[in-house]
């Protein structure tokens, strides 16, 4: 296979994975659905946060098993299964009229689908490119999740206003099954023995030298990566899960979906930019910068009481939060290797699952009890500062 054909195949796989993530990002339009559940069905903020929280937790837990399946069977069947399950979870949510039922339909079934879909794209795309480009390729692929609310947020807002909650779930479910199925057919790992051809290529990594999963779980590096991922992503998830309601409370602005879309654009930009910068300055240095910026920004959200201020805060939050999802998979590959990246990153990603419980539930409880998000902002800033202190203990392998 010529270098040109290799590059073409790799980019085709990368953009198919990007497209799948663009659909999986339906999850991040939940703040609009949550607001509708509160206003139309009388659910509390905490109740309306629970399906989203269960979905995040399920999604991250399943990443371990889905990542292992991807390493064994390849990305295509894993992604196909993910699309079917996500679509089924959304469609069955049409009949979920209580928080408990929606936790099972959207939360568990949909979460399993997202876990399988998300686990397939990034590892297989990274394997087509030189090791020194891990960050930028991971950033491009995962930017699809961050960018998705640009179209999903206004689409969901339109569907909710025009057809109601039940039909919104149905239409989003059909769209998920069809889109992910088509794009999954393009995914594939490179052939055995494949190495990216380039005069400047970095020597291939020795897969036999990679640590076992038991060794990874016991390592200081894994504990730091896992804990810092939990702390840093919980803050962003709190903000994303409640952004529409934050706009309503702090600025009396009912078009909160605009903030969701703005954050999404810069979430995607942050993923690509974070990956690009980390290829040049190292993962840990880049992680430290974005986490500190996010800590300051979320603390300042207490004082964002106007639409321009909320727009500015959402831009910074999107950039910082998005960068995490290029940096952590690339760091996992740097420290633990590429051969079992799907499974290894699944282990690290469980920190995000715990964050999915901590962040949104914390925001919902605080809003129900106090009527504001001030305490949530302070707690989120503290978690980010802890994450920054942990990251400082790591020495980047690049």
Protein backbone atom coordinates (compact mmCIF):
# COMPACT_ATOMS: atom_id res chain seq x y z
CA UNK A 1 0.00 0.00 0.00
CA UNK A 2 1.49 3.38 -1.00
CA UNK A 3 2.03 6.20 1.48
CA UNK A 4 -0.68 8.25 -0.25
CA UNK A 5 -3.20 5.42 -0.03
CA UNK A 6 -2.25 4.80 3.60
CA UNK A 7 -2.82 8.46 4.46
CA UNK A 8 -6.10 8.49 2.55
CA UNK A 9 -7.38 5.38 4.33
CA UNK A 10 -6.36 6.74 7.71
CA UNK A 11 -8.12 10.08 7.15
CA UNK A 12 -11.25 8.30 5.88
CA UNK A 13 -11.39 6.25 9.08
CA UNK A 14 -10.69 9.32 11.23
CA UNK A 15 -13.51 11.34 9.70
CA UNK A 16 -15.95 8.42 9.90
CA UNK A 17 -15.12 8.17 13.61
CA UNK A 18 -15.62 11.94 13.86
CA UNK A 19 -19.07 11.56 12.26
CA UNK A 20 -20.10 8.82 14.68
CA UNK A 21 -19.06 11.00 17.62
CA UNK A 22 -21.02 13.86 16.09
CA UNK A 23 -24.16 11.72 16.53
CA UNK A 24 -23.19 10.34 19.95
CA UNK A 25 -23.04 13.93 21.19
CA UNK A 26 -26.84 13.85 21.42
CA UNK A 27 -26.08 13.30 25.10
CA UNK A 28 -24.92 16.89 25.47
CA UNK A 29 -28.24 18.40 24.47
CA UNK A 30 -29.72 16.96 27.69
CA UNK A 31 -29.94 20.36 29.39
CA UNK A 32 -32.75 21.25 26.94
CA UNK A 33 -34.61 17.98 27.58
CA UNK A 34 -34.07 18.43 31.32
CA UNK A 35 -35.61 21.89 31.20
CA UNK A 36 -38.64 20.50 29.33
CA UNK A 37 -39.05 17.71 31.88
CA UNK A 38 -39.04 20.27 34.70
CA UNK A 39 -41.43 22.68 32.98
CA UNK A 40 -43.80 20.24 31.22
CA UNK A 41 -43.87 17.26 33.57
CA UNK A 42 -43.16 18.93 36.90
CA UNK A 43 -39.99 16.94 37.65
CA UNK A 44 -37.45 18.50 40.03
CA UNK A 45 -34.02 19.49 38.71
CA UNK A 46 -32.54 16.51 40.54
CA UNK A 47 -35.06 14.05 39.03
CA UNK A 48 -34.52 15.46 35.54
CA UNK A 49 -30.74 15.13 35.97
CA UNK A 50 -30.87 11.44 36.90
CA UNK A 51 -31.31 9.87 33.40
CA UNK A 52 -28.39 11.98 32.14
CA UNK A 53 -26.30 10.99 35.16
CA UNK A 54 -27.09 7.27 34.78
CA UNK A 55 -26.30 7.52 31.07
CA UNK A 56 -22.88 9.04 31.78
CA UNK A 57 -22.09 6.45 34.45
CA UNK A 58 -23.24 3.53 32.26
CA UNK A 59 -21.44 4.87 29.22
CA UNK A 60 -18.12 5.14 31.06
CA UNK A 61 -18.39 1.73 32.75
CA UNK A 62 -19.24 0.03 29.46
CA UNK A 63 -16.17 1.66 27.87
CA UNK A 64 -14.00 -0.95 29.63
CA UNK A 65 -15.80 -3.91 28.01
CA UNK A 66 -16.46 -2.13 24.72
CA UNK A 67 -12.80 -1.12 24.52
CA UNK A 68 -11.74 -4.73 25.03
CA UNK A 69 -14.24 -5.86 22.38
CA UNK A 70 -12.82 -3.25 20.01
CA UNK A 71 -9.29 -4.50 20.63
CA UNK A 72 -10.40 -8.11 19.87
CA UNK A 73 -13.11 -7.85 17.19
CA UNK A 74 -12.29 -4.50 15.61
CA UNK A 75 -14.22 -1.21 15.62
CA UNK A 76 -16.95 -1.94 13.07
CA UNK A 77 -19.18 -4.49 14.90
CA UNK A 78 -18.70 -2.64 18.20
CA UNK A 79 -19.80 0.67 16.68
CA UNK A 80 -22.76 -0.94 14.89
CA UNK A 81 -23.99 -2.41 18.17
CA UNK A 82 -23.58 0.98 19.81
CA UNK A 83 -25.75 2.70 17.21
CA UNK A 84 -28.54 0.16 17.55
CA UNK A 85 -28.58 0.36 21.35
CA UNK A 86 -28.47 4.16 21.47
CA UNK A 87 -31.34 4.39 19.00
CA UNK A 88 -33.33 1.78 20.93
CA UNK A 89 -32.79 3.61 24.21
CA UNK A 90 -34.05 6.87 22.74
CA UNK A 91 -37.06 5.29 21.03
CA UNK A 92 -38.14 3.34 24.13
CA UNK A 93 -37.87 6.58 26.12
CA UNK A 94 -41.04 7.63 24.31
CA UNK A 95 -42.88 5.46 26.86
CA UNK A 96 -40.85 6.52 29.93
CA UNK A 97 -43.07 8.79 32.04
CA UNK A 98 -41.16 8.54 35.33
CA UNK A 99 -37.55 9.29 36.27
CA UNK A 100 -36.98 5.61 37.09
CA UNK A 101 -38.14 4.37 33.69
CA UNK A 102 -36.12 7.02 31.85
CA UNK A 103 -33.07 6.07 33.88
CA UNK A 104 -33.47 2.55 32.44
CA UNK A 105 -34.26 3.53 28.84
CA UNK A 106 -32.14 6.58 28.13
CA UNK A 107 -29.75 6.05 31.04
CA UNK A 108 -28.89 2.34 30.85
CA UNK A 109 -29.75 1.26 27.28
CA UNK A 110 -28.72 4.54 25.70
CA UNK A 111 -25.62 4.70 27.87
CA UNK A 112 -24.50 1.23 26.79
CA UNK A 113 -24.97 2.29 23.18
CA UNK A 114 -22.88 5.44 23.61
CA UNK A 115 -20.16 3.44 25.38
CA UNK A 116 -19.87 0.96 22.50
CA UNK A 117 -20.01 3.68 19.87
CA UNK A 118 -17.49 5.96 21.55
CA UNK A 119 -14.98 3.20 22.31
CA UNK A 120 -14.59 2.25 18.66
CA UNK A 121 -13.50 5.44 16.92
CA UNK A 122 -10.52 7.02 18.67
CA UNK A 123 -8.25 3.94 19.12
CA UNK A 124 -8.65 2.70 15.55
CA UNK A 125 -8.09 6.17 14.05
CA UNK A 126 -4.93 6.75 16.12
CA UNK A 127 -3.45 3.45 14.90
CA UNK A 128 -3.34 4.74 11.30
CA UNK A 129 -0.99 7.64 12.12
CA UNK A 130 2.48 8.26 13.50
CA UNK A 131 2.81 8.16 17.30
CA UNK A 132 3.89 11.81 17.36
CA UNK A 133 0.45 12.75 15.98
CA UNK A 134 -1.60 10.98 18.67
CA UNK A 135 -2.87 14.22 20.17
CA UNK A 136 -4.14 15.92 17.03
CA UNK A 137 -5.82 12.75 15.67
CA UNK A 138 -7.53 12.10 19.02
CA UNK A 139 -8.57 15.76 19.06
CA UNK A 140 -10.12 15.63 15.60
CA UNK A 141 -12.05 12.42 16.30
CA UNK A 142 -13.44 13.43 19.70
CA UNK A 143 -14.24 16.95 18.49
CA UNK A 144 -17.33 15.40 16.89
CA UNK A 145 -18.87 14.89 20.33
CA UNK A 146 -18.10 18.46 21.30
CA UNK A 147 -19.41 19.93 18.06
CA UNK A 148 -22.66 17.96 17.95
CA UNK A 149 -24.78 20.35 20.07
CA UNK A 150 -24.26 23.01 17.36
CA UNK A 151 -26.93 21.20 15.34
CA UNK A 152 -28.47 18.95 18.01
CA UNK A 153 -29.31 21.81 20.41
CA UNK A 154 -31.41 23.88 17.97
CA UNK A 155 -32.86 20.69 16.45
CA UNK A 156 -33.85 19.39 19.89
CA UNK A 157 -35.29 22.78 20.82
CA UNK A 158 -37.35 22.79 17.61
CA UNK A 159 -38.57 19.22 18.12
CA UNK A 160 -39.53 19.88 21.75
CA UNK A 161 -41.50 23.01 20.87
CA UNK A 162 -43.16 21.47 17.80
CA UNK A 163 -43.73 17.81 18.67
CA UNK A 164 -43.22 17.47 22.42
CA UNK A 165 -40.89 15.32 24.51
CA UNK A 166 -42.12 11.91 23.37
CA UNK A 167 -41.76 12.51 19.63
CA UNK A 168 -38.42 14.22 20.18
CA UNK A 169 -37.02 11.00 21.64
CA UNK A 170 -38.45 9.00 18.71
CA UNK A 171 -36.98 11.19 15.96
CA UNK A 172 -33.58 11.39 17.63
CA UNK A 173 -33.57 7.58 18.00
CA UNK A 174 -34.23 6.95 14.31
CA UNK A 175 -31.56 9.45 13.34
CA UNK A 176 -29.01 7.77 15.64
CA UNK A 177 -29.54 4.25 14.29
CA UNK A 178 -29.39 5.30 10.64
CA UNK A 179 -26.39 7.62 10.92
CA UNK A 180 -24.16 5.45 13.08
CA UNK A 181 -24.91 2.32 11.03
CA UNK A 182 -23.76 3.96 7.79
CA UNK A 183 -20.60 5.46 9.27
CA UNK A 184 -19.66 2.27 11.13
CA UNK A 185 -19.23 0.45 7.83
CA UNK A 186 -16.17 2.63 7.14
CA UNK A 187 -14.31 1.92 10.40
CA UNK A 188 -11.45 -0.57 10.39
CA UNK A 189 -8.09 -1.13 12.08
CA UNK A 190 -4.93 -1.07 9.96
CA UNK A 191 -3.71 -4.48 8.75
CA UNK A 192 -1.35 -6.56 10.96
CA UNK A 193 2.20 -5.28 10.88
CA UNK A 194 1.13 -1.89 9.54
CA UNK A 195 3.39 1.08 10.37
CA UNK A 196 2.72 4.63 9.18
CA UNK A 197 5.21 5.33 6.38
CA UNK A 198 7.07 8.62 6.60
CA UNK A 199 10.67 9.71 6.39
CA UNK A 200 10.21 11.40 9.75
CA UNK A 201 8.27 8.63 11.42
CA UNK A 202 8.92 7.79 15.05
CA UNK A 203 10.07 4.15 15.53
CA UNK A 204 7.07 1.90 16.22
CA UNK A 205 6.30 1.07 19.82
CA UNK A 206 6.99 -2.44 21.11
CA UNK A 207 3.57 -3.92 22.05
CA UNK A 208 5.25 -6.72 24.03
CA UNK A 209 6.61 -4.10 26.41
CA UNK A 210 3.18 -2.76 27.31
CA UNK A 211 1.99 -3.30 30.92
CA UNK A 212 -0.90 -5.62 31.74
CA UNK A 213 -4.17 -4.18 32.97
CA UNK A 214 -3.41 -5.40 36.48
CA UNK A 215 -0.11 -3.53 36.45
CA UNK A 216 -1.87 -0.43 35.09
CA UNK A 217 -4.50 -0.43 37.84
CA UNK A 218 -1.81 -0.62 40.53
CA UNK A 219 0.34 2.11 39.03
CA UNK A 220 0.69 5.62 40.44
CA UNK A 221 0.28 7.03 36.92
CA UNK A 222 -3.14 5.41 36.48
CA UNK A 223 -4.38 6.65 39.86
CA UNK A 224 -3.35 10.22 39.00
CA UNK A 225 -4.86 10.11 35.51
CA UNK A 226 -8.12 8.57 36.77
CA UNK A 227 -8.57 10.97 39.68
CA UNK A 228 -7.66 14.08 37.71
CA UNK A 229 -10.04 13.03 34.90
CA UNK A 230 -12.82 12.65 37.47
CA UNK A 231 -12.17 16.03 39.10
CA UNK A 232 -11.71 18.02 35.91
CA UNK A 233 -14.62 16.54 33.94
CA UNK A 234 -17.11 16.70 36.84
CA UNK A 235 -16.88 20.48 36.79
CA UNK A 236 -17.54 20.66 33.06
CA UNK A 237 -20.41 18.16 33.23
CA UNK A 238 -22.08 20.16 35.99
CA UNK A 239 -22.00 23.22 33.75
CA UNK A 240 -23.10 21.47 30.55
CA UNK A 241 -25.92 19.58 32.23
CA UNK A 242 -27.43 22.76 33.70
CA UNK A 243 -26.43 25.47 31.24
CA UNK A 244 -29.92 26.22 29.93
CA UNK A 245 -31.21 26.55 33.49
CA UNK A 246 -28.20 28.68 34.49
CA UNK A 247 -29.06 31.12 31.69
CA UNK A 248 -32.64 31.32 32.95
CA UNK A 249 -31.69 31.87 36.63
CA UNK A 250 -28.71 34.21 36.24
CA UNK A 251 -29.72 36.31 33.22
CA UNK A 252 -33.45 35.59 32.87
CA UNK A 253 -32.64 34.31 29.38
CA UNK A 254 -34.93 31.58 28.07
CA UNK A 255 -32.89 30.84 24.92
CA UNK A 256 -30.35 28.80 26.83
CA UNK A 257 -29.88 26.48 23.86
CA UNK A 258 -27.77 29.25 22.31
CA UNK A 259 -25.27 28.89 25.16
CA UNK A 260 -25.27 25.12 24.66
CA UNK A 261 -24.44 25.61 20.97
CA UNK A 262 -21.72 28.20 21.72
CA UNK A 263 -20.11 25.95 24.30
CA UNK A 264 -20.29 23.08 21.82
CA UNK A 265 -18.41 24.97 19.10
CA UNK A 266 -15.56 25.84 21.45
CA UNK A 267 -15.70 22.38 23.01
CA UNK A 268 -14.84 21.01 19.57
CA UNK A 269 -12.17 23.65 18.96
CA UNK A 270 -10.69 22.89 22.38
CA UNK A 271 -10.38 19.20 21.54
CA UNK A 272 -8.45 19.86 18.35
CA UNK A 273 -6.35 22.68 19.83
CA UNK A 274 -5.57 20.71 22.99
CA UNK A 275 -4.42 17.73 20.94
CA UNK A 276 -2.28 19.89 18.65
CA UNK A 277 -0.59 21.73 21.52
CA UNK A 278 0.03 18.56 23.50
CA UNK A 279 1.90 17.01 20.55
CA UNK A 280 4.32 19.93 20.86
CA UNK A 281 4.52 20.73 24.58
CA UNK A 282 3.61 17.37 26.17
CA UNK A 283 0.34 16.08 27.63
CA UNK A 284 0.93 17.02 31.24
CA UNK A 285 1.89 20.62 30.51
CA UNK A 286 -1.16 21.09 28.31
CA UNK A 287 -3.42 19.43 30.91
CA UNK A 288 -2.14 21.69 33.66
CA UNK A 289 -2.85 24.83 31.63
CA UNK A 290 -6.42 23.95 30.62
CA UNK A 291 -7.39 22.74 34.10
CA UNK A 292 -6.20 25.94 35.79
CA UNK A 293 -7.99 28.10 33.21
CA UNK A 294 -11.20 26.13 33.82
CA UNK A 295 -10.87 26.49 37.60
CA UNK A 296 -10.69 30.29 37.34
CA UNK A 297 -13.51 30.47 34.79
CA UNK A 298 -15.99 28.32 36.72
CA UNK A 299 -15.34 30.28 39.90
CA UNK A 300 -16.10 33.49 37.97
CA UNK A 301 -19.43 32.03 36.77
CA UNK A 302 -20.80 33.25 40.10
CA UNK A 303 -20.45 36.79 38.76
CA UNK A 304 -21.72 36.13 35.22
CA UNK A 305 -25.16 37.72 35.51
CA UNK A 306 -25.60 39.01 31.95
CA UNK A 307 -25.90 37.40 28.53
CA UNK A 308 -22.48 38.67 27.28
CA UNK A 309 -20.79 37.42 30.47
CA UNK A 310 -22.42 33.99 30.18
CA UNK A 311 -21.40 33.80 26.52
CA UNK A 312 -17.78 34.56 27.44
CA UNK A 313 -17.79 32.02 30.25
CA UNK A 314 -19.28 29.38 27.96
CA UNK A 315 -16.54 29.96 25.36
CA UNK A 316 -13.76 29.46 27.92
CA UNK A 317 -15.54 26.48 29.50
CA UNK A 318 -15.95 24.82 26.10
CA UNK A 319 -12.28 25.26 25.16
CA UNK A 320 -10.98 23.95 28.50
CA UNK A 321 -13.43 21.07 28.91
CA UNK A 322 -13.05 19.95 25.31
CA UNK A 323 -9.25 19.78 25.51
CA UNK A 324 -9.52 17.07 28.19
CA UNK A 325 -10.91 14.57 25.68
CA UNK A 326 -7.93 14.85 23.38
CA UNK A 327 -5.37 14.95 26.19
CA UNK A 328 -6.46 11.99 28.32
CA UNK A 329 -6.61 9.33 25.54
CA UNK A 330 -3.31 10.58 24.14
CA UNK A 331 -1.74 10.51 27.61
CA UNK A 332 -3.08 6.98 28.12
CA UNK A 333 -1.42 5.91 24.86
CA UNK A 334 1.83 7.62 25.84
CA UNK A 335 2.07 5.96 29.25
CA UNK A 336 0.55 2.52 28.49
CA UNK A 337 0.91 1.94 24.72
CA UNK A 338 -1.35 1.63 21.65
CA UNK A 339 -1.93 -2.13 21.38
CA UNK A 340 -4.63 -2.27 24.08
CA UNK A 341 -5.58 1.41 24.00
CA UNK A 342 -9.31 0.69 23.75
CA UNK A 343 -9.30 -1.27 27.00
CA UNK A 344 -6.73 0.89 28.79
CA UNK A 345 -8.52 4.14 28.00
CA UNK A 346 -11.75 2.45 29.07
CA UNK A 347 -10.19 1.98 32.51
CA UNK A 348 -9.15 5.64 32.70
CA UNK A 349 -12.53 6.72 31.33
CA UNK A 350 -14.37 5.26 34.31
CA UNK A 351 -13.24 8.40 36.11
CA UNK A 352 -15.48 10.31 33.73
CA UNK A 353 -18.35 8.01 34.70
CA UNK A 354 -17.98 8.88 38.37
CA UNK A 355 -17.80 12.53 37.30
CA UNK A 356 -21.11 12.04 35.53
CA UNK A 357 -22.67 11.24 38.90
CA UNK A 358 -20.86 13.91 40.91
CA UNK A 359 -21.17 16.90 38.58
CA UNK A 360 -24.80 16.92 37.37
CA UNK A 361 -26.29 15.66 40.65
CA UNK A 362 -24.33 18.23 42.62
CA UNK A 363 -25.65 20.98 40.36
CA UNK A 364 -29.23 19.71 40.58
CA UNK A 365 -29.26 19.38 44.36
CA UNK A 366 -27.67 22.80 44.89
CA UNK A 367 -30.15 24.45 42.50
CA UNK A 368 -33.13 22.77 44.19
CA UNK A 369 -31.98 23.71 47.70
CA UNK A 370 -30.56 27.22 47.16
CA UNK A 371 -32.13 28.36 43.90
CA UNK A 372 -28.66 29.20 42.51
CA UNK A 373 -25.49 27.43 41.36
CA UNK A 374 -23.00 29.45 43.45
CA UNK A 375 -22.01 26.57 45.75
CA UNK A 376 -21.60 24.29 42.72
CA UNK A 377 -19.20 26.77 41.12
CA UNK A 378 -17.05 26.94 44.26
CA UNK A 379 -16.94 23.15 44.70
CA UNK A 380 -16.14 22.67 40.99
CA UNK A 381 -13.24 25.14 41.20
CA UNK A 382 -11.82 23.27 44.20
CA UNK A 383 -12.01 19.94 42.35
CA UNK A 384 -10.17 21.46 39.38
CA UNK A 385 -7.42 22.80 41.62
CA UNK A 386 -6.98 19.31 43.13
CA UNK A 387 -6.73 17.89 39.61
CA UNK A 388 -4.04 20.45 38.74
CA UNK A 389 -2.01 19.50 41.81
CA UNK A 390 -2.21 15.83 40.83
CA UNK A 391 -1.17 16.46 37.21
CA UNK A 392 1.92 18.33 38.47
CA UNK A 393 3.12 15.01 39.92
CA UNK A 394 3.35 13.44 36.46
CA UNK A 395 6.35 13.67 34.17
CA UNK A 396 5.28 13.65 30.53
CA UNK A 397 6.85 10.81 28.52
CA UNK A 398 7.03 13.12 25.49
